[in-house]
């Protein structure tokens, strides 16, 4: 498996709305980080759907190495 591109070594703080689905970029190449813009086309990566349970701030992984994808787990601190 190819490693994803590290978009940034910190999370993206995003205001999300309960019940709304967001498509997180797993390849790291999207120009709309942390969300997918289709840049993964032709690769082994696919976007990951995330449906917000609550309205508020969600911290989406920017390094693409979190074990809690699509949310940040601090993995960027070890890169």
Protein backbone atom coordinates (compact mmCIF):
# COMPACT_ATOMS: atom_id res chain seq x y z
CA UNK A 1 0.00 0.00 0.00
CA UNK A 2 1.21 3.50 -0.86
CA UNK A 3 1.55 6.00 1.97
CA UNK A 4 -0.75 9.01 1.74
CA UNK A 5 0.62 12.52 1.22
CA UNK A 6 0.83 14.43 4.51
CA UNK A 7 -1.38 17.48 3.92
CA UNK A 8 -0.30 19.08 7.22
CA UNK A 9 1.09 17.93 10.56
CA UNK A 10 -1.85 19.16 12.61
CA UNK A 11 -5.60 18.58 12.59
CA UNK A 12 -8.16 20.64 10.68
CA UNK A 13 -10.75 22.18 12.99
CA UNK A 14 -14.06 22.16 11.12
CA UNK A 15 -17.52 23.23 12.22
CA UNK A 16 -19.82 20.29 11.44
CA UNK A 17 -23.58 19.92 11.53
CA UNK A 18 -25.31 16.95 13.19
CA UNK A 19 -26.59 14.44 10.64
CA UNK A 20 -24.58 15.89 7.74
CA UNK A 21 -22.11 13.63 5.91
CA UNK A 22 -18.62 14.85 5.04
CA UNK A 23 -16.12 13.07 2.76
CA UNK A 24 -12.61 13.13 4.23
CA UNK A 25 -9.63 13.03 1.87
CA UNK A 26 -7.56 9.91 2.57
CA UNK A 27 -4.87 10.49 -0.09
CA UNK A 28 -3.71 13.92 1.12
CA UNK A 29 -3.74 15.47 -2.36
CA UNK A 30 -7.08 17.30 -2.29
CA UNK A 31 -6.99 21.07 -2.70
CA UNK A 32 -10.07 21.22 -0.42
CA UNK A 33 -8.45 19.72 2.71
CA UNK A 34 -9.55 18.00 4.80
CA UNK A 35 -12.25 17.01 2.33
CA UNK A 36 -12.10 15.14 -0.97
CA UNK A 37 -11.97 16.89 -4.34
CA UNK A 38 -11.44 13.73 -6.43
CA UNK A 39 -7.64 13.98 -6.56
CA UNK A 40 -7.44 10.30 -5.57
CA UNK A 41 -8.77 9.19 -8.98
CA UNK A 42 -6.63 6.40 -10.41
CA UNK A 43 -5.07 5.57 -7.04
CA UNK A 44 -5.81 3.03 -4.34
CA UNK A 45 -7.27 5.74 -2.07
CA UNK A 46 -10.95 6.52 -1.61
CA UNK A 47 -12.65 9.20 0.47
CA UNK A 48 -14.01 8.23 3.87
CA UNK A 49 -17.59 9.22 4.73
CA UNK A 50 -18.08 10.79 8.16
CA UNK A 51 -21.54 11.62 9.48
CA UNK A 52 -21.46 14.10 12.34
CA UNK A 53 -23.29 12.95 15.46
CA UNK A 54 -23.33 16.44 16.98
CA UNK A 55 -23.13 20.01 15.78
CA UNK A 56 -19.82 21.59 16.79
CA UNK A 57 -16.10 21.43 16.06
CA UNK A 58 -14.58 18.22 14.71
CA UNK A 59 -10.82 17.79 14.37
CA UNK A 60 -10.10 16.00 11.11
CA UNK A 61 -6.72 14.33 10.62
CA UNK A 62 -4.37 16.36 8.44
CA UNK A 63 -1.42 13.95 8.37
CA UNK A 64 -3.57 11.04 7.09
CA UNK A 65 -1.97 8.60 9.57
CA UNK A 66 -4.53 8.64 12.40
CA UNK A 67 -5.80 5.31 13.71
CA UNK A 68 -9.16 7.05 14.31
CA UNK A 69 -9.68 8.16 10.70
CA UNK A 70 -11.06 10.59 9.76
CA UNK A 71 -10.53 12.24 13.13
CA UNK A 72 -7.16 13.21 14.60
CA UNK A 73 -5.56 10.97 17.23
CA UNK A 74 -2.27 12.87 17.55
CA UNK A 75 -0.35 10.62 15.12
CA UNK A 76 1.14 13.74 13.50
CA UNK A 77 3.31 14.24 16.59
CA UNK A 78 5.23 11.06 15.70
CA UNK A 79 5.91 11.92 12.05
